[in-house]
Amino acid sequence: MPVSRSFQKLLGKPRPATLDTSDLGDLTRLNPEPGFVPFEAYARAKLLTVMAGYDLARAVAADGVTLNALHPGIVATGIIDDLIPAVLRPLEGVIRRSMLTPAQGASATLHLATTAGLNGVTGRYFVHGTEARTPPISYDLIAQARLRDASDRFLAGD
């Protein structure tokens, strides 16, 4: 069941995550404690995941490995608690019923992983099973390389 139009109106027009590429040198600066907004941090993490995925897809393509990303729709998980304004919390049950169940959200992943027509397709992004574009910064090869370098250093403990 797709998200109802009334709930989409409540959320407003989708807003791409903001990303200051100068912060890519130090991953700890991407979501600083002062002014921290949970859902913005979540959206930024998703953007960074997509960017890293595009980079990795290119790196492993010669080995026959495919890597894609997807947005299944709005799924009734704990993350939506940050989306529901306090004034609407009494209606949380109704709002959740207008969203996808976790099983429905997972079906988008299964579709992407098992559809024969997508064999060999890599480095793409899908929304509800349809290929879509991500924010322009996500395709920036220099930003992707800086993210990979910062991630490697962070994971190495540097």
C-alpha atoms as a PDB file:
ATOM      1  CA  MET A   1       0.000   0.000   0.000  1.00  0.00           C
ATOM      2  CA  PRO A   2       1.612   3.301  -1.013  1.00  0.00           C
ATOM      3  CA  VAL A   3       1.690   6.260   1.327  1.00  0.00           C
ATOM      4  CA  SER A   4      -1.607   8.125   1.208  1.00  0.00           C
ATOM      5  CA  ARG A   5      -1.722  11.460  -0.618  1.00  0.00           C
ATOM      6  CA  SER A   6      -2.942  13.188   2.536  1.00  0.00           C
ATOM      7  CA  PHE A   7       0.133  12.005   4.461  1.00  0.00           C
ATOM      8  CA  GLN A   8       2.392  13.098   1.587  1.00  0.00           C
ATOM      9  CA  LYS A   9       0.806  16.566   1.833  1.00  0.00           C
ATOM     10  CA  LEU A  10       1.522  16.546   5.554  1.00  0.00           C
ATOM     11  CA  LEU A  11       5.198  15.836   4.878  1.00  0.00           C
ATOM     12  CA  GLY A  12       5.416  18.421   2.100  1.00  0.00           C
ATOM     13  CA  LYS A  13       7.691  18.323  -0.905  1.00  0.00           C
ATOM     14  CA  PRO A  14      10.703  16.018  -0.435  1.00  0.00           C
ATOM     15  CA  ARG A  15      13.796  17.947   0.584  1.00  0.00           C
ATOM     16  CA  PRO A  16      17.177  16.589  -0.453  1.00  0.00           C
ATOM     17  CA  ALA A  17      19.687  16.229   2.345  1.00  0.00           C
ATOM     18  CA  THR A  18      22.198  19.021   2.681  1.00  0.00           C
ATOM     19  CA  LEU A  19      25.868  18.206   2.458  1.00  0.00           C
ATOM     20  CA  ASP A  20      28.803  20.528   2.905  1.00  0.00           C
ATOM     21  CA  THR A  21      31.511  18.757   0.900  1.00  0.00           C
ATOM     22  CA  SER A  22      34.202  20.519   2.947  1.00  0.00           C
ATOM     23  CA  ASP A  23      33.066  18.302   5.846  1.00  0.00           C
ATOM     24  CA  LEU A  24      33.867  15.119   3.912  1.00  0.00           C
ATOM     25  CA  GLY A  25      37.443  15.218   5.196  1.00  0.00           C
ATOM     26  CA  ASP A  26      36.232  14.507   8.740  1.00  0.00           C
ATOM     27  CA  LEU A  27      33.120  12.356   9.048  1.00  0.00           C
ATOM     28  CA  THR A  28      32.535  13.513  12.617  1.00  0.00           C
ATOM     29  CA  ARG A  29      31.722  17.020  11.291  1.00  0.00           C
ATOM     30  CA  LEU A  30      28.840  15.824   9.096  1.00  0.00           C
ATOM     31  CA  ASN A  31      26.307  15.754  11.948  1.00  0.00           C
ATOM     32  CA  PRO A  32      27.649  18.035  14.685  1.00  0.00           C
ATOM     33  CA  GLU A  33      26.027  17.922  18.105  1.00  0.00           C
ATOM     34  CA  PRO A  34      25.097  21.629  18.146  1.00  0.00           C
ATOM     35  CA  GLY A  35      21.977  21.986  16.048  1.00  0.00           C
ATOM     36  CA  PHE A  36      21.651  18.218  15.567  1.00  0.00           C
ATOM     37  CA  VAL A  37      18.357  17.284  13.874  1.00  0.00           C
ATOM     38  CA  PRO A  38      17.755  13.514  13.846  1.00  0.00           C
ATOM     39  CA  PHE A  39      15.859  13.258  10.576  1.00  0.00           C
ATOM     40  CA  GLU A  40      18.327  15.535   8.754  1.00  0.00           C
ATOM     41  CA  ALA A  41      21.157  13.324  10.014  1.00  0.00           C
ATOM     42  CA  TYR A  42      19.261  10.270   8.784  1.00  0.00           C
ATOM     43  CA  ALA A  43      18.714  11.827   5.347  1.00  0.00           C
ATOM     44  CA  ARG A  44      22.377  12.864   5.141  1.00  0.00           C
ATOM     45  CA  ALA A  45      23.451   9.321   6.082  1.00  0.00           C
ATOM     46  CA  LYS A  46      21.259   7.941   3.292  1.00  0.00           C
ATOM     47  CA  LEU A  47      22.780  10.399   0.804  1.00  0.00           C
ATOM     48  CA  LEU A  48      26.291   9.404   1.867  1.00  0.00           C
ATOM     49  CA  THR A  49      25.372   5.727   1.598  1.00  0.00           C
ATOM     50  CA  VAL A  50      24.169   6.254  -1.973  1.00  0.00           C
ATOM     51  CA  MET A  51      27.348   8.182  -2.839  1.00  0.00           C
ATOM     52  CA  ALA A  52      29.517   5.410  -1.409  1.00  0.00           C
ATOM     53  CA  GLY A  53      27.416   2.868  -3.284  1.00  0.00           C
ATOM     54  CA  TYR A  54      27.944   4.593  -6.627  1.00  0.00           C
ATOM     55  CA  ASP A  55      31.692   4.622  -5.957  1.00  0.00           C
ATOM     56  CA  LEU A  56      31.762   0.967  -4.899  1.00  0.00           C
ATOM     57  CA  ALA A  57      29.593  -0.101  -7.863  1.00  0.00           C
ATOM     58  CA  ARG A  58      32.231   1.266 -10.239  1.00  0.00           C
ATOM     59  CA  ALA A  59      35.035  -0.388  -8.258  1.00  0.00           C
ATOM     60  CA  VAL A  60      33.529  -3.897  -8.343  1.00  0.00           C
ATOM     61  CA  ALA A  61      31.792  -3.836 -11.737  1.00  0.00           C
ATOM     62  CA  ALA A  62      34.696  -5.592 -13.488  1.00  0.00           C
ATOM     63  CA  ASP A  63      34.243  -8.514 -11.075  1.00  0.00           C
ATOM     64  CA  GLY A  64      30.612  -8.933 -12.134  1.00  0.00           C
ATOM     65  CA  VAL A  65      29.265  -7.624  -8.826  1.00  0.00           C
ATOM     66  CA  THR A  66      26.240  -5.353  -9.032  1.00  0.00           C
ATOM     67  CA  LEU A  67      25.287  -2.799  -6.436  1.00  0.00           C
ATOM     68  CA  ASN A  68      22.181  -0.613  -6.478  1.00  0.00           C
ATOM     69  CA  ALA A  69      20.266   1.488  -3.974  1.00  0.00           C
ATOM     70  CA  LEU A  70      16.556   1.961  -3.467  1.00  0.00           C
ATOM     71  CA  HIS A  71      13.937   3.884  -1.590  1.00  0.00           C
ATOM     72  CA  PRO A  72      11.001   1.531  -1.016  1.00  0.00           C
ATOM     73  CA  GLY A  73       8.604   4.262   0.109  1.00  0.00           C
ATOM     74  CA  ILE A  74       7.791   5.427   3.607  1.00  0.00           C
ATOM     75  CA  VAL A  75       7.786   2.395   5.861  1.00  0.00           C
ATOM     76  CA  ALA A  76       6.183   2.336   9.300  1.00  0.00           C
ATOM     77  CA  THR A  77       9.352   1.893  11.335  1.00  0.00           C
ATOM     78  CA  GLY A  78      10.681   3.757  14.361  1.00  0.00           C
ATOM     79  CA  ILE A  79      12.369   6.397  12.186  1.00  0.00           C
ATOM     80  CA  ILE A  80       9.011   7.973  11.380  1.00  0.00           C
ATOM     81  CA  ASP A  81       8.708   9.181  14.949  1.00  0.00           C
ATOM     82  CA  ASP A  82      10.881  12.143  13.900  1.00  0.00           C
ATOM     83  CA  LEU A  83       8.517  12.894  11.024  1.00  0.00           C
ATOM     84  CA  ILE A  84       5.313  13.117  13.003  1.00  0.00           C
ATOM     85  CA  PRO A  85       4.850  16.571  14.529  1.00  0.00           C
ATOM     86  CA  ALA A  86       4.061  16.521  18.250  1.00  0.00           C
ATOM     87  CA  VAL A  87       0.575  17.904  17.637  1.00  0.00           C
ATOM     88  CA  LEU A  88      -0.238  14.841  15.498  1.00  0.00           C
ATOM     89  CA  ARG A  89       1.183  12.208  17.883  1.00  0.00           C
ATOM     90  CA  PRO A  90      -2.316  11.212  19.055  1.00  0.00           C
ATOM     91  CA  LEU A  91      -2.979  10.174  15.434  1.00  0.00           C
ATOM     92  CA  GLU A  92       0.217   8.134  15.111  1.00  0.00           C
ATOM     93  CA  GLY A  93      -1.681   4.849  14.691  1.00  0.00           C
ATOM     94  CA  VAL A  94      -3.736   6.237  11.809  1.00  0.00           C
ATOM     95  CA  ILE A  95      -0.649   7.760  10.217  1.00  0.00           C
ATOM     96  CA  ARG A  96       1.278   4.479  10.468  1.00  0.00           C
ATOM     97  CA  ARG A  97      -1.578   2.617   8.786  1.00  0.00           C
ATOM     98  CA  SER A  98      -1.158   4.884   5.741  1.00  0.00           C
ATOM     99  CA  MET A  99       2.463   3.738   5.352  1.00  0.00           C
ATOM    100  CA  LEU A 100       4.043   0.597   4.023  1.00  0.00           C
ATOM    101  CA  THR A 101       4.524  -2.273   6.430  1.00  0.00           C
ATOM    102  CA  PRO A 102       8.105  -3.453   6.935  1.00  0.00           C
ATOM    103  CA  ALA A 103       7.291  -6.527   4.820  1.00  0.00           C
ATOM    104  CA  GLN A 104       5.997  -4.321   1.993  1.00  0.00           C
ATOM    105  CA  GLY A 105       9.122  -2.174   2.219  1.00  0.00           C
ATOM    106  CA  ALA A 106      11.313  -5.270   2.079  1.00  0.00           C
ATOM    107  CA  SER A 107       9.525  -6.481  -1.045  1.00  0.00           C
ATOM    108  CA  ALA A 108      11.074  -3.592  -3.006  1.00  0.00           C
ATOM    109  CA  THR A 109      14.532  -4.867  -2.054  1.00  0.00           C
ATOM    110  CA  LEU A 110      13.616  -8.423  -3.006  1.00  0.00           C
ATOM    111  CA  HIS A 111      12.254  -7.225  -6.345  1.00  0.00           C
ATOM    112  CA  LEU A 112      15.445  -5.333  -7.111  1.00  0.00           C
ATOM    113  CA  ALA A 113      17.620  -8.297  -6.105  1.00  0.00           C
ATOM    114  CA  THR A 114      15.673 -10.975  -7.978  1.00  0.00           C
ATOM    115  CA  THR A 115      14.285  -9.399 -11.160  1.00  0.00           C
ATOM    116  CA  ALA A 116      16.008 -11.064 -14.121  1.00  0.00           C
ATOM    117  CA  GLY A 117      15.664  -7.885 -16.209  1.00  0.00           C
ATOM    118  CA  LEU A 118      17.990  -6.111 -13.779  1.00  0.00           C
ATOM    119  CA  ASN A 119      20.845  -8.612 -14.119  1.00  0.00           C
ATOM    120  CA  GLY A 120      24.019  -6.637 -14.728  1.00  0.00           C
ATOM    121  CA  VAL A 121      22.407  -3.286 -13.811  1.00  0.00           C
ATOM    122  CA  THR A 122      24.672  -1.523 -11.323  1.00  0.00           C
ATOM    123  CA  GLY A 123      25.269   1.871  -9.789  1.00  0.00           C
ATOM    124  CA  ARG A 124      21.637   2.931 -10.011  1.00  0.00           C
ATOM    125  CA  TYR A 125      18.967   4.220  -7.656  1.00  0.00           C
ATOM    126  CA  PHE A 126      15.353   3.079  -7.616  1.00  0.00           C
ATOM    127  CA  VAL A 127      12.208   4.495  -6.015  1.00  0.00           C
ATOM    128  CA  HIS A 128       9.268   2.101  -5.738  1.00  0.00           C
ATOM    129  CA  GLY A 129      10.950  -0.149  -8.321  1.00  0.00           C
ATOM    130  CA  THR A 130      11.494   2.634 -10.880  1.00  0.00           C
ATOM    131  CA  GLU A 131      14.924   4.042 -11.665  1.00  0.00           C
ATOM    132  CA  ALA A 132      15.304   7.600 -10.379  1.00  0.00           C
ATOM    133  CA  ARG A 133      17.930  10.315  -9.951  1.00  0.00           C
ATOM    134  CA  THR A 134      19.508  11.273  -6.666  1.00  0.00           C
ATOM    135  CA  PRO A 135      20.703  14.792  -5.756  1.00  0.00           C
ATOM    136  CA  PRO A 136      23.436  16.100  -8.086  1.00  0.00           C
ATOM    137  CA  ILE A 137      26.110  15.997  -5.347  1.00  0.00           C
ATOM    138  CA  SER A 138      25.724  12.212  -5.172  1.00  0.00           C
ATOM    139  CA  TYR A 139      27.207  11.887  -8.686  1.00  0.00           C
ATOM    140  CA  ASP A 140      30.241  14.076  -7.921  1.00  0.00           C
ATOM    141  CA  LEU A 141      33.245  11.776  -8.396  1.00  0.00           C
ATOM    142  CA  ILE A 142      35.548  14.014  -6.359  1.00  0.00           C
ATOM    143  CA  ALA A 143      33.096  14.085  -3.439  1.00  0.00           C
ATOM    144  CA  GLN A 144      32.734  10.304  -3.684  1.00  0.00           C
ATOM    145  CA  ALA A 145      36.532   9.883  -3.563  1.00  0.00           C
ATOM    146  CA  ARG A 146      36.796  12.223  -0.549  1.00  0.00           C
ATOM    147  CA  LEU A 147      34.064  10.258   1.210  1.00  0.00           C
ATOM    148  CA  ARG A 148      35.843   6.954   0.479  1.00  0.00           C
ATOM    149  CA  ASP A 149      39.161   8.365   1.741  1.00  0.00           C
ATOM    150  CA  ALA A 150      37.572   9.732   4.931  1.00  0.00           C
ATOM    151  CA  SER A 151      35.727   6.448   5.498  1.00  0.00           C
ATOM    152  CA  ASP A 152      38.912   4.430   5.025  1.00  0.00           C
ATOM    153  CA  ARG A 153      40.779   6.671   7.487  1.00  0.00           C
ATOM    154  CA  PHE A 154      37.906   6.549   9.988  1.00  0.00           C
ATOM    155  CA  LEU A 155      37.670   2.749   9.821  1.00  0.00           C
ATOM    156  CA  ALA A 156      41.449   2.455  10.168  1.00  0.00           C
ATOM    157  CA  GLY A 157      41.256   4.527  13.344  1.00  0.00           C
ATOM    158  CA  ASP A 158      43.246   7.441  11.926  1.00  0.00           C
END
